Amino acid sequence: MASNQNFVDFIVDQIDNAGQIRTLKMFGEYGIYADDKIFGLICDNKLFIKPTEAGRAFIGEVTEAPAYPGAKMSFLIENQLEDSEWLSELVRLTASELPEPKKKRKKKNKE
């Protein structure tokens, strides 16, 4: 079951002051980015955040699950989705620990 746009919009609206938040539709679901760093996925109307040490310390008792079959384990965020301040802080902490996105190389034109 794919995520619906209303849920995706709700999650984006909940994340405040954590950088420029955007989503990218991929394989029927959504990647979610803060300042061009992918920090999580929205799949089946559930929010999955990449695991980091800072995120683990902030959350405390973590629930982990794969976003889709065969995926790496992620933090499954369920009960705090309504808490914009909490969710924004988790995204800030997570994004700060993730590496910068790799620069895309420009394709050379074949002549």
PDB file of N, CA and C in Angstrom:
ATOM      1  N   MET A   1       0.851  -1.179   0.000  1.00  0.00           N
ATOM      2  CA  MET A   1       0.000   0.000   0.000  1.00  0.00           C
ATOM      3  C   MET A   1       0.893   1.236   0.000  1.00  0.00           C
ATOM      4  N   ALA A   2       0.693   2.107  -0.923  1.00  0.00           N
ATOM      5  CA  ALA A   2       1.485   3.329  -1.014  1.00  0.00           C
ATOM      6  C   ALA A   2       0.996   4.372  -0.011  1.00  0.00           C
ATOM      7  N   SER A   3       1.896   5.253   0.362  1.00  0.00           N
ATOM      8  CA  SER A   3       1.537   6.352   1.264  1.00  0.00           C
ATOM      9  C   SER A   3       0.653   7.351   0.531  1.00  0.00           C
ATOM     10  N   ASN A   4      -0.258   7.972   1.275  1.00  0.00           N
ATOM     11  CA  ASN A   4      -1.085   8.976   0.611  1.00  0.00           C
ATOM     12  C   ASN A   4      -0.473  10.363   0.815  1.00  0.00           C
ATOM     13  N   GLN A   5      -0.766  11.240  -0.116  1.00  0.00           N
ATOM     14  CA  GLN A   5      -0.164  12.573  -0.130  1.00  0.00           C
ATOM     15  C   GLN A   5      -0.511  13.367   1.117  1.00  0.00           C
ATOM     16  N   ASN A   6      -1.695  13.169   1.671  1.00  0.00           N
ATOM     17  CA  ASN A   6      -2.071  13.901   2.891  1.00  0.00           C
ATOM     18  C   ASN A   6      -1.134  13.562   4.042  1.00  0.00           C
ATOM     19  N   PHE A   7      -0.768  12.287   4.198  1.00  0.00           N
ATOM     20  CA  PHE A   7       0.144  11.879   5.260  1.00  0.00           C
ATOM     21  C   PHE A   7       1.525  12.484   5.024  1.00  0.00           C
ATOM     22  N   VAL A   8       1.998  12.430   3.797  1.00  0.00           N
ATOM     23  CA  VAL A   8       3.310  12.999   3.454  1.00  0.00           C
ATOM     24  C   VAL A   8       3.332  14.490   3.761  1.00  0.00           C
ATOM     25  N   ASP A   9       2.308  15.209   3.353  1.00  0.00           N
ATOM     26  CA  ASP A   9       2.225  16.654   3.620  1.00  0.00           C
ATOM     27  C   ASP A   9       2.189  16.928   5.126  1.00  0.00           C
ATOM     28  N   PHE A  10       1.469  16.110   5.873  1.00  0.00           N
ATOM     29  CA  PHE A  10       1.399  16.264   7.323  1.00  0.00           C
ATOM     30  C   PHE A  10       2.789  16.138   7.948  1.00  0.00           C
ATOM     31  N   ILE A  11       3.541  15.119   7.544  1.00  0.00           N
ATOM     32  CA  ILE A  11       4.887  14.915   8.092  1.00  0.00           C
ATOM     33  C   ILE A  11       5.779  16.103   7.764  1.00  0.00           C
ATOM     34  N   VAL A  12       5.763  16.565   6.544  1.00  0.00           N
ATOM     35  CA  VAL A  12       6.580  17.724   6.153  1.00  0.00           C
ATOM     36  C   VAL A  12       6.185  18.945   6.978  1.00  0.00           C
ATOM     37  N   ASP A  13       4.898  19.161   7.179  1.00  0.00           N
ATOM     38  CA  ASP A  13       4.424  20.304   7.977  1.00  0.00           C
ATOM     39  C   ASP A  13       4.870  20.203   9.439  1.00  0.00           C
ATOM     40  N   GLN A  14       4.996  18.986   9.941  1.00  0.00           N
ATOM     41  CA  GLN A  14       5.383  18.783  11.339  1.00  0.00           C
ATOM     42  C   GLN A  14       6.853  19.093  11.599  1.00  0.00           C
ATOM     43  N   ILE A  15       7.676  19.024  10.577  1.00  0.00           N
ATOM     44  CA  ILE A  15       9.114  19.229  10.753  1.00  0.00           C
ATOM     45  C   ILE A  15       9.417  20.699  10.492  1.00  0.00           C
ATOM     46  N   ASP A  16       9.689  21.417  11.566  1.00  0.00           N
ATOM     47  CA  ASP A  16       9.885  22.859  11.499  1.00  0.00           C
ATOM     48  C   ASP A  16      11.303  23.203  11.929  1.00  0.00           C
ATOM     49  N   ASN A  17      11.921  24.132  11.251  1.00  0.00           N
ATOM     50  CA  ASN A  17      13.266  24.604  11.601  1.00  0.00           C
ATOM     51  C   ASN A  17      14.317  23.500  11.621  1.00  0.00           C
ATOM     52  N   ALA A  18      14.200  22.564  10.709  1.00  0.00           N
ATOM     53  CA  ALA A  18      15.202  21.496  10.610  1.00  0.00           C
ATOM     54  C   ALA A  18      15.869  21.548   9.238  1.00  0.00           C
ATOM     55  N   GLY A  19      15.860  22.715   8.630  1.00  0.00           N
ATOM     56  CA  GLY A  19      16.421  22.868   7.294  1.00  0.00           C
ATOM     57  C   GLY A  19      15.304  22.888   6.268  1.00  0.00           C
ATOM     58  N   GLN A  20      15.697  22.864   5.031  1.00  0.00           N
ATOM     59  CA  GLN A  20      14.716  22.841   3.950  1.00  0.00           C
ATOM     60  C   GLN A  20      14.253  21.396   3.770  1.00  0.00           C
ATOM     61  N   ILE A  21      13.005  21.137   4.094  1.00  0.00           N
ATOM     62  CA  ILE A  21      12.450  19.783   4.052  1.00  0.00           C
ATOM     63  C   ILE A  21      11.737  19.594   2.720  1.00  0.00           C
ATOM     64  N   ARG A  22      12.052  18.478   2.079  1.00  0.00           N
ATOM     65  CA  ARG A  22      11.358  18.143   0.830  1.00  0.00           C
ATOM     66  C   ARG A  22      11.240  16.632   0.732  1.00  0.00           C
ATOM     67  N   THR A  23      10.332  16.193  -0.107  1.00  0.00           N
ATOM     68  CA  THR A  23      10.166  14.764  -0.349  1.00  0.00           C
ATOM     69  C   THR A  23      10.396  14.487  -1.828  1.00  0.00           C
ATOM     70  N   LEU A  24      10.752  13.262  -2.107  1.00  0.00           N
ATOM     71  CA  LEU A  24      10.946  12.824  -3.481  1.00  0.00           C
ATOM     72  C   LEU A  24      10.267  11.473  -3.619  1.00  0.00           C
ATOM     73  N   LYS A  25       9.349  11.385  -4.553  1.00  0.00           N
ATOM     74  CA  LYS A  25       8.642  10.132  -4.759  1.00  0.00           C
ATOM     75  C   LYS A  25       9.601   9.135  -5.393  1.00  0.00           C
ATOM     76  N   MET A  26       9.671   7.949  -4.783  1.00  0.00           N
ATOM     77  CA  MET A  26      10.529   6.902  -5.319  1.00  0.00           C
ATOM     78  C   MET A  26       9.872   5.546  -5.098  1.00  0.00           C
ATOM     79  N   PHE A  27       9.702   4.817  -6.166  1.00  0.00           N
ATOM     80  CA  PHE A  27       9.134   3.465  -6.108  1.00  0.00           C
ATOM     81  C   PHE A  27       7.768   3.443  -5.428  1.00  0.00           C
ATOM     82  N   GLY A  28       6.967   4.452  -5.626  1.00  0.00           N
ATOM     83  CA  GLY A  28       5.631   4.500  -5.059  1.00  0.00           C
ATOM     84  C   GLY A  28       5.577   5.016  -3.627  1.00  0.00           C
ATOM     85  N   GLU A  29       6.723   5.247  -3.029  1.00  0.00           N
ATOM     86  CA  GLU A  29       6.804   5.775  -1.667  1.00  0.00           C
ATOM     87  C   GLU A  29       7.619   7.068  -1.714  1.00  0.00           C
ATOM     88  N   TYR A  30       8.136   7.539  -0.568  1.00  0.00           N
ATOM     89  CA  TYR A  30       8.789   8.840  -0.531  1.00  0.00           C
ATOM     90  C   TYR A  30      10.082   8.800   0.271  1.00  0.00           C
ATOM     91  N   GLY A  31      11.112   9.437  -0.298  1.00  0.00           N
ATOM     92  CA  GLY A  31      12.298   9.754   0.466  1.00  0.00           C
ATOM     93  C   GLY A  31      12.071  11.134   1.055  1.00  0.00           C
ATOM     94  N   ILE A  32      12.586  11.387   2.250  1.00  0.00           N
ATOM     95  CA  ILE A  32      12.400  12.703   2.873  1.00  0.00           C
ATOM     96  C   ILE A  32      13.777  13.277   3.200  1.00  0.00           C
ATOM     97  N   TYR A  33      13.978  14.534   2.825  1.00  0.00           N
ATOM     98  CA  TYR A  33      15.281  15.190   2.866  1.00  0.00           C
ATOM     99  C   TYR A  33      15.247  16.443   3.730  1.00  0.00           C
ATOM    100  N   ALA A  34      16.376  16.717   4.358  1.00  0.00           N
ATOM    101  CA  ALA A  34      16.615  17.997   5.030  1.00  0.00           C
ATOM    102  C   ALA A  34      17.884  18.562   4.418  1.00  0.00           C
ATOM    103  N   ASP A  35      17.780  19.699   3.760  1.00  0.00           N
ATOM    104  CA  ASP A  35      18.932  20.327   3.103  1.00  0.00           C
ATOM    105  C   ASP A  35      19.693  19.336   2.230  1.00  0.00           C
ATOM    106  N   ASP A  36      18.970  18.611   1.397  1.00  0.00           N
ATOM    107  CA  ASP A  36      19.509  17.660   0.414  1.00  0.00           C
ATOM    108  C   ASP A  36      20.122  16.402   1.019  1.00  0.00           C
ATOM    109  N   LYS A  37      19.998  16.204   2.329  1.00  0.00           N
ATOM    110  CA  LYS A  37      20.420  14.949   2.962  1.00  0.00           C
ATOM    111  C   LYS A  37      19.184  14.084   3.171  1.00  0.00           C
ATOM    112  N   ILE A  38      19.195  12.894   2.617  1.00  0.00           N
ATOM    113  CA  ILE A  38      18.059  11.997   2.853  1.00  0.00           C
ATOM    114  C   ILE A  38      18.193  11.439   4.264  1.00  0.00           C
ATOM    115  N   PHE A  39      17.198  11.713   5.081  1.00  0.00           N
ATOM    116  CA  PHE A  39      17.261  11.270   6.473  1.00  0.00           C
ATOM    117  C   PHE A  39      16.211  10.218   6.794  1.00  0.00           C
ATOM    118  N   GLY A  40      15.307   9.964   5.859  1.00  0.00           N
ATOM    119  CA  GLY A  40      14.288   8.978   6.153  1.00  0.00           C
ATOM    120  C   GLY A  40      13.430   8.628   4.956  1.00  0.00           C
ATOM    121  N   LEU A  41      12.475   7.753   5.223  1.00  0.00           N
ATOM    122  CA  LEU A  41      11.527   7.306   4.214  1.00  0.00           C
ATOM    123  C   LEU A  41      10.122   7.357   4.796  1.00  0.00           C
ATOM    124  N   ILE A  42       9.171   7.597   3.926  1.00  0.00           N
ATOM    125  CA  ILE A  42       7.767   7.472   4.285  1.00  0.00           C
ATOM    126  C   ILE A  42       7.233   6.333   3.432  1.00  0.00           C
ATOM    127  N   CYS A  43       6.858   5.252   4.093  1.00  0.00           N
ATOM    128  CA  CYS A  43       6.356   4.062   3.407  1.00  0.00           C
ATOM    129  C   CYS A  43       5.111   3.565   4.123  1.00  0.00           C
ATOM    130  N   ASP A  44       4.078   3.244   3.362  1.00  0.00           N
ATOM    131  CA  ASP A  44       2.821   2.746   3.933  1.00  0.00           C
ATOM    132  C   ASP A  44       2.296   3.652   5.044  1.00  0.00           C
ATOM    133  N   ASN A  45       2.404   4.955   4.842  1.00  0.00           N
ATOM    134  CA  ASN A  45       1.953   5.950   5.819  1.00  0.00           C
ATOM    135  C   ASN A  45       2.626   5.774   7.173  1.00  0.00           C
ATOM    136  N   LYS A  46       3.906   5.435   7.152  1.00  0.00           N
ATOM    137  CA  LYS A  46       4.724   5.344   8.356  1.00  0.00           C
ATOM    138  C   LYS A  46       6.019   6.101   8.096  1.00  0.00           C
ATOM    139  N   LEU A  47       6.568   6.696   9.152  1.00  0.00           N
ATOM    140  CA  LEU A  47       7.805   7.459   9.055  1.00  0.00           C
ATOM    141  C   LEU A  47       8.966   6.631   9.594  1.00  0.00           C
ATOM    142  N   PHE A  48       9.977   6.469   8.752  1.00  0.00           N
ATOM    143  CA  PHE A  48      11.196   5.749   9.106  1.00  0.00           C
ATOM    144  C   PHE A  48      12.366   6.717   9.026  1.00  0.00           C
ATOM    145  N   ILE A  49      13.168   6.778  10.082  1.00  0.00           N
ATOM    146  CA  ILE A  49      14.310   7.686  10.162  1.00  0.00           C
ATOM    147  C   ILE A  49      15.592   6.859  10.189  1.00  0.00           C
ATOM    148  N   LYS A  50      16.598   7.306   9.431  1.00  0.00           N
ATOM    149  CA  LYS A  50      17.881   6.607   9.436  1.00  0.00           C
ATOM    150  C   LYS A  50      18.442   6.569  10.855  1.00  0.00           C
ATOM    151  N   PRO A  51      18.962   5.432  11.256  1.00  0.00           N
ATOM    152  CA  PRO A  51      19.514   5.340  12.608  1.00  0.00           C
ATOM    153  C   PRO A  51      20.846   6.074  12.742  1.00  0.00           C
ATOM    154  N   THR A  52      20.970   6.864  13.800  1.00  0.00           N
ATOM    155  CA  THR A  52      22.222   7.541  14.158  1.00  0.00           C
ATOM    156  C   THR A  52      22.366   7.429  15.672  1.00  0.00           C
ATOM    157  N   GLU A  53      23.580   7.623  16.148  1.00  0.00           N
ATOM    158  CA  GLU A  53      23.802   7.581  17.593  1.00  0.00           C
ATOM    159  C   GLU A  53      23.044   8.706  18.295  1.00  0.00           C
ATOM    160  N   ALA A  54      23.081   9.908  17.709  1.00  0.00           N
ATOM    161  CA  ALA A  54      22.372  11.047  18.309  1.00  0.00           C
ATOM    162  C   ALA A  54      20.868  10.793  18.348  1.00  0.00           C
ATOM    163  N   GLY A  55      20.330  10.230  17.273  1.00  0.00           N
ATOM    164  CA  GLY A  55      18.906   9.917  17.234  1.00  0.00           C
ATOM    165  C   GLY A  55      18.531   8.874  18.259  1.00  0.00           C
ATOM    166  N   ARG A  56      19.364   7.851  18.393  1.00  0.00           N
ATOM    167  CA  ARG A  56      19.102   6.785  19.366  1.00  0.00           C
ATOM    168  C   ARG A  56      19.090   7.349  20.788  1.00  0.00           C
ATOM    169  N   ALA A  57      20.063   8.210  21.089  1.00  0.00           N
ATOM    170  CA  ALA A  57      20.139   8.813  22.428  1.00  0.00           C
ATOM    171  C   ALA A  57      18.923   9.711  22.679  1.00  0.00           C
ATOM    172  N   PHE A  58      18.494  10.442  21.667  1.00  0.00           N
ATOM    173  CA  PHE A  58      17.360  11.355  21.809  1.00  0.00           C
ATOM    174  C   PHE A  58      16.054  10.592  22.005  1.00  0.00           C
ATOM    175  N   ILE A  59      15.850   9.546  21.224  1.00  0.00           N
ATOM    176  CA  ILE A  59      14.591   8.795  21.292  1.00  0.00           C
ATOM    177  C   ILE A  59      14.487   8.000  22.589  1.00  0.00           C
ATOM    178  N   GLY A  60      15.598   7.393  22.980  1.00  0.00           N
ATOM    179  CA  GLY A  60      15.553   6.541  24.174  1.00  0.00           C
ATOM    180  C   GLY A  60      15.188   5.127  23.794  1.00  0.00           C
ATOM    181  N   GLU A  61      13.970   4.722  24.094  1.00  0.00           N
ATOM    182  CA  GLU A  61      13.522   3.378  23.735  1.00  0.00           C
ATOM    183  C   GLU A  61      13.083   3.373  22.276  1.00  0.00           C
ATOM    184  N   VAL A  62      13.939   2.803  21.439  1.00  0.00           N
ATOM    185  CA  VAL A  62      13.767   2.878  19.990  1.00  0.00           C
ATOM    186  C   VAL A  62      13.026   1.652  19.464  1.00  0.00           C
ATOM    187  N   THR A  63      12.106   1.900  18.543  1.00  0.00           N
ATOM    188  CA  THR A  63      11.490   0.825  17.776  1.00  0.00           C
ATOM    189  C   THR A  63      12.144   0.839  16.410  1.00  0.00           C
ATOM    190  N   GLU A  64      12.703  -0.303  16.014  1.00  0.00           N
ATOM    191  CA  GLU A  64      13.350  -0.388  14.707  1.00  0.00           C
ATOM    192  C   GLU A  64      12.600  -1.359  13.816  1.00  0.00           C
ATOM    193  N   ALA A  65      12.529  -1.022  12.538  1.00  0.00           N
ATOM    194  CA  ALA A  65      11.851  -1.861  11.556  1.00  0.00           C
ATOM    195  C   ALA A  65      12.371  -1.481  10.171  1.00  0.00           C
ATOM    196  N   PRO A  66      12.300  -2.398   9.224  1.00  0.00           N
ATOM    197  CA  PRO A  66      12.657  -2.040   7.849  1.00  0.00           C
ATOM    198  C   PRO A  66      11.498  -1.278   7.200  1.00  0.00           C
ATOM    199  N   ALA A  67      11.816  -0.294   6.386  1.00  0.00           N
ATOM    200  CA  ALA A  67      10.770   0.492   5.719  1.00  0.00           C
ATOM    201  C   ALA A  67      10.039  -0.340   4.659  1.00  0.00           C
ATOM    202  N   TYR A  68      10.718  -1.332   4.113  1.00  0.00           N
ATOM    203  CA  TYR A  68      10.138  -2.227   3.110  1.00  0.00           C
ATOM    204  C   TYR A  68      10.915  -3.535   3.178  1.00  0.00           C
ATOM    205  N   PRO A  69      10.395  -4.613   2.654  1.00  0.00           N
ATOM    206  CA  PRO A  69      11.104  -5.895   2.733  1.00  0.00           C
ATOM    207  C   PRO A  69      12.509  -5.802   2.115  1.00  0.00           C
ATOM    208  N   GLY A  70      13.496  -6.239   2.871  1.00  0.00           N
ATOM    209  CA  GLY A  70      14.877  -6.214   2.397  1.00  0.00           C
ATOM    210  C   GLY A  70      15.633  -4.943   2.744  1.00  0.00           C
ATOM    211  N   ALA A  71      14.949  -3.954   3.305  1.00  0.00           N
ATOM    212  CA  ALA A  71      15.594  -2.683   3.651  1.00  0.00           C
ATOM    213  C   ALA A  71      16.365  -2.826   4.966  1.00  0.00           C
ATOM    214  N   LYS A  72      17.332  -1.925   5.158  1.00  0.00           N
ATOM    215  CA  LYS A  72      18.044  -1.856   6.435  1.00  0.00           C
ATOM    216  C   LYS A  72      17.070  -1.395   7.512  1.00  0.00           C
ATOM    217  N   MET A  73      17.409  -1.705   8.751  1.00  0.00           N
ATOM    218  CA  MET A  73      16.568  -1.278   9.865  1.00  0.00           C
ATOM    219  C   MET A  73      16.635   0.242  10.018  1.00  0.00           C
ATOM    220  N   SER A  74      15.509   0.821  10.342  1.00  0.00           N
ATOM    221  CA  SER A  74      15.385   2.262  10.579  1.00  0.00           C
ATOM    222  C   SER A  74      14.606   2.463  11.874  1.00  0.00           C
ATOM    223  N   PHE A  75      14.656   3.694  12.384  1.00  0.00           N
ATOM    224  CA  PHE A  75      13.822   4.035  13.530  1.00  0.00           C
ATOM    225  C   PHE A  75      12.402   4.248  13.009  1.00  0.00           C
ATOM    226  N   LEU A  76      11.460   3.512  13.547  1.00  0.00           N
ATOM    227  CA  LEU A  76      10.054   3.683  13.197  1.00  0.00           C
ATOM    228  C   LEU A  76       9.453   4.681  14.183  1.00  0.00           C
ATOM    229  N   ILE A  77       8.993   5.799  13.660  1.00  0.00           N
ATOM    230  CA  ILE A  77       8.433   6.860  14.493  1.00  0.00           C
ATOM    231  C   ILE A  77       6.914   6.791  14.376  1.00  0.00           C
ATOM    232  N   GLU A  78       6.251   6.515  15.495  1.00  0.00           N
ATOM    233  CA  GLU A  78       4.789   6.375  15.460  1.00  0.00           C
ATOM    234  C   GLU A  78       4.102   7.311  16.442  1.00  0.00           C
ATOM    235  N   ASN A  79       4.465   7.245  17.708  1.00  0.00           N
ATOM    236  CA  ASN A  79       3.725   7.958  18.746  1.00  0.00           C
ATOM    237  C   ASN A  79       4.023   9.452  18.818  1.00  0.00           C
ATOM    238  N   GLN A  80       5.127   9.900  18.246  1.00  0.00           N
ATOM    239  CA  GLN A  80       5.507  11.313  18.376  1.00  0.00           C
ATOM    240  C   GLN A  80       5.223  12.132  17.121  1.00  0.00           C
ATOM    241  N   LEU A  81       4.469  11.601  16.188  1.00  0.00           N
ATOM    242  CA  LEU A  81       4.219  12.326  14.939  1.00  0.00           C
ATOM    243  C   LEU A  81       3.472  13.639  15.156  1.00  0.00           C
ATOM    244  N   GLU A  82       2.686  13.726  16.202  1.00  0.00           N
ATOM    245  CA  GLU A  82       1.915  14.945  16.491  1.00  0.00           C
ATOM    246  C   GLU A  82       2.764  16.001  17.193  1.00  0.00           C
ATOM    247  N   ASP A  83       3.929  15.620  17.686  1.00  0.00           N
ATOM    248  CA  ASP A  83       4.797  16.521  18.450  1.00  0.00           C
ATOM    249  C   ASP A  83       5.834  17.148  17.511  1.00  0.00           C
ATOM    250  N   SER A  84       5.471  18.284  16.945  1.00  0.00           N
ATOM    251  CA  SER A  84       6.304  18.954  15.949  1.00  0.00           C
ATOM    252  C   SER A  84       7.690  19.302  16.486  1.00  0.00           C
ATOM    253  N   GLU A  85       7.752  19.803  17.713  1.00  0.00           N
ATOM    254  CA  GLU A  85       9.037  20.182  18.312  1.00  0.00           C
ATOM    255  C   GLU A  85       9.958  18.974  18.460  1.00  0.00           C
ATOM    256  N   TRP A  86       9.418  17.888  18.969  1.00  0.00           N
ATOM    257  CA  TRP A  86      10.187  16.660  19.168  1.00  0.00           C
ATOM    258  C   TRP A  86      10.680  16.109  17.837  1.00  0.00           C
ATOM    259  N   LEU A  87       9.776  16.034  16.865  1.00  0.00           N
ATOM    260  CA  LEU A  87      10.113  15.491  15.551  1.00  0.00           C
ATOM    261  C   LEU A  87      11.157  16.351  14.850  1.00  0.00           C
ATOM    262  N   SER A  88      11.027  17.660  14.951  1.00  0.00           N
ATOM    263  CA  SER A  88      11.998  18.573  14.340  1.00  0.00           C
ATOM    264  C   SER A  88      13.385  18.400  14.953  1.00  0.00           C
ATOM    265  N   GLU A  89      13.434  18.246  16.268  1.00  0.00           N
ATOM    266  CA  GLU A  89      14.725  18.046  16.937  1.00  0.00           C
ATOM    267  C   GLU A  89      15.360  16.723  16.503  1.00  0.00           C
ATOM    268  N   LEU A  90      14.567  15.678  16.384  1.00  0.00           N
ATOM    269  CA  LEU A  90      15.093  14.394  15.920  1.00  0.00           C
ATOM    270  C   LEU A  90      15.677  14.536  14.516  1.00  0.00           C
ATOM    271  N   VAL A  91      14.987  15.235  13.645  1.00  0.00           N
ATOM    272  CA  VAL A  91      15.488  15.430  12.273  1.00  0.00           C
ATOM    273  C   VAL A  91      16.775  16.242  12.284  1.00  0.00           C
ATOM    274  N   ARG A  92      16.837  17.305  13.072  1.00  0.00           N
ATOM    275  CA  ARG A  92      18.067  18.115  13.158  1.00  0.00           C
ATOM    276  C   ARG A  92      19.238  17.262  13.635  1.00  0.00           C
ATOM    277  N   LEU A  93      19.036  16.486  14.696  1.00  0.00           N
ATOM    278  CA  LEU A  93      20.105  15.639  15.233  1.00  0.00           C
ATOM    279  C   LEU A  93      20.547  14.589  14.209  1.00  0.00           C
ATOM    280  N   THR A  94      19.573  13.976  13.568  1.00  0.00           N
ATOM    281  CA  THR A  94      19.874  12.936  12.580  1.00  0.00           C
ATOM    282  C   THR A  94      20.644  13.523  11.402  1.00  0.00           C
ATOM    283  N   ALA A  95      20.138  14.604  10.835  1.00  0.00           N
ATOM    284  CA  ALA A  95      20.774  15.205   9.663  1.00  0.00           C
ATOM    285  C   ALA A  95      22.190  15.678   9.972  1.00  0.00           C
ATOM    286  N   SER A  96      22.407  16.180  11.183  1.00  0.00           N
ATOM    287  CA  SER A  96      23.745  16.684  11.527  1.00  0.00           C
ATOM    288  C   SER A  96      24.775  15.558  11.584  1.00  0.00           C
ATOM    289  N   GLU A  97      24.316  14.333  11.809  1.00  0.00           N
ATOM    290  CA  GLU A  97      25.223  13.197  11.907  1.00  0.00           C
ATOM    291  C   GLU A  97      25.423  12.478  10.570  1.00  0.00           C
ATOM    292  N   LEU A  98      24.596  12.789   9.593  1.00  0.00           N
ATOM    293  CA  LEU A  98      24.707  12.133   8.284  1.00  0.00           C
ATOM    294  C   LEU A  98      25.742  12.836   7.419  1.00  0.00           C
ATOM    295  N   PRO A  99      26.400  12.079   6.530  1.00  0.00           N
ATOM    296  CA  PRO A  99      27.399  12.701   5.650  1.00  0.00           C
ATOM    297  C   PRO A  99      26.741  13.631   4.636  1.00  0.00           C
ATOM    298  N   GLU A 100      27.528  14.561   4.147  1.00  0.00           N
ATOM    299  CA  GLU A 100      27.051  15.462   3.092  1.00  0.00           C
ATOM    300  C   GLU A 100      26.764  14.631   1.841  1.00  0.00           C
ATOM    301  N   PRO A 101      25.759  15.021   1.059  1.00  0.00           N
ATOM    302  CA  PRO A 101      25.481  14.269  -0.167  1.00  0.00           C
ATOM    303  C   PRO A 101      26.653  14.385  -1.133  1.00  0.00           C
ATOM    304  N   LYS A 102      26.872  13.319  -1.873  1.00  0.00           N
ATOM    305  CA  LYS A 102      27.951  13.330  -2.855  1.00  0.00           C
ATOM    306  C   LYS A 102      27.586  14.267  -3.990  1.00  0.00           C
ATOM    307  N   LYS A 103      28.585  14.978  -4.479  1.00  0.00           N
ATOM    308  CA  LYS A 103      28.371  15.874  -5.617  1.00  0.00           C
ATOM    309  C   LYS A 103      28.177  15.034  -6.869  1.00  0.00           C
ATOM    310  N   LYS A 104      27.200  15.402  -7.658  1.00  0.00           N
ATOM    311  CA  LYS A 104      26.957  14.681  -8.908  1.00  0.00           C
ATOM    312  C   LYS A 104      27.929  15.181  -9.960  1.00  0.00           C
ATOM    313  N   ARG A 105      28.508  14.246 -10.649  1.00  0.00           N
ATOM    314  CA  ARG A 105      29.417  14.619 -11.737  1.00  0.00           C
ATOM    315  C   ARG A 105      28.612  15.001 -12.962  1.00  0.00           C
ATOM    316  N   LYS A 106      29.129  15.979 -13.664  1.00  0.00           N
ATOM    317  CA  LYS A 106      28.487  16.374 -14.904  1.00  0.00           C
ATOM    318  C   LYS A 106      28.889  15.383 -15.982  1.00  0.00           C
ATOM    319  N   LYS A 107      27.914  15.006 -16.783  1.00  0.00           N
ATOM    320  CA  LYS A 107      28.206  14.076 -17.879  1.00  0.00           C
ATOM    321  C   LYS A 107      28.917  14.821 -18.996  1.00  0.00           C
ATOM    322  N   LYS A 108      29.936  14.178 -19.517  1.00  0.00           N
ATOM    323  CA  LYS A 108      30.642  14.781 -20.655  1.00  0.00           C
ATOM    324  C   LYS A 108      29.895  14.424 -21.927  1.00  0.00           C
ATOM    325  N   ASN A 109      29.793  15.419 -22.791  1.00  0.00           N
ATOM    326  CA  ASN A 109      29.140  15.179 -24.072  1.00  0.00           C
ATOM    327  C   ASN A 109      30.074  14.416 -24.986  1.00  0.00           C
ATOM    328  N   LYS A 110      29.555  13.355 -25.594  1.00  0.00           N
ATOM    329  CA  LYS A 110      30.352  12.614 -26.573  1.00  0.00           C
ATOM    330  C   LYS A 110      30.243  13.327 -27.900  1.00  0.00           C
ATOM    331  N   GLU A 111      31.367  13.482 -28.518  1.00  0.00           N
ATOM    332  CA  GLU A 111      31.332  14.172 -29.827  1.00  0.00           C
ATOM    333  C   GLU A 111      31.788  13.240 -30.907  1.00  0.00           C
TER     334      GLU A 111
END
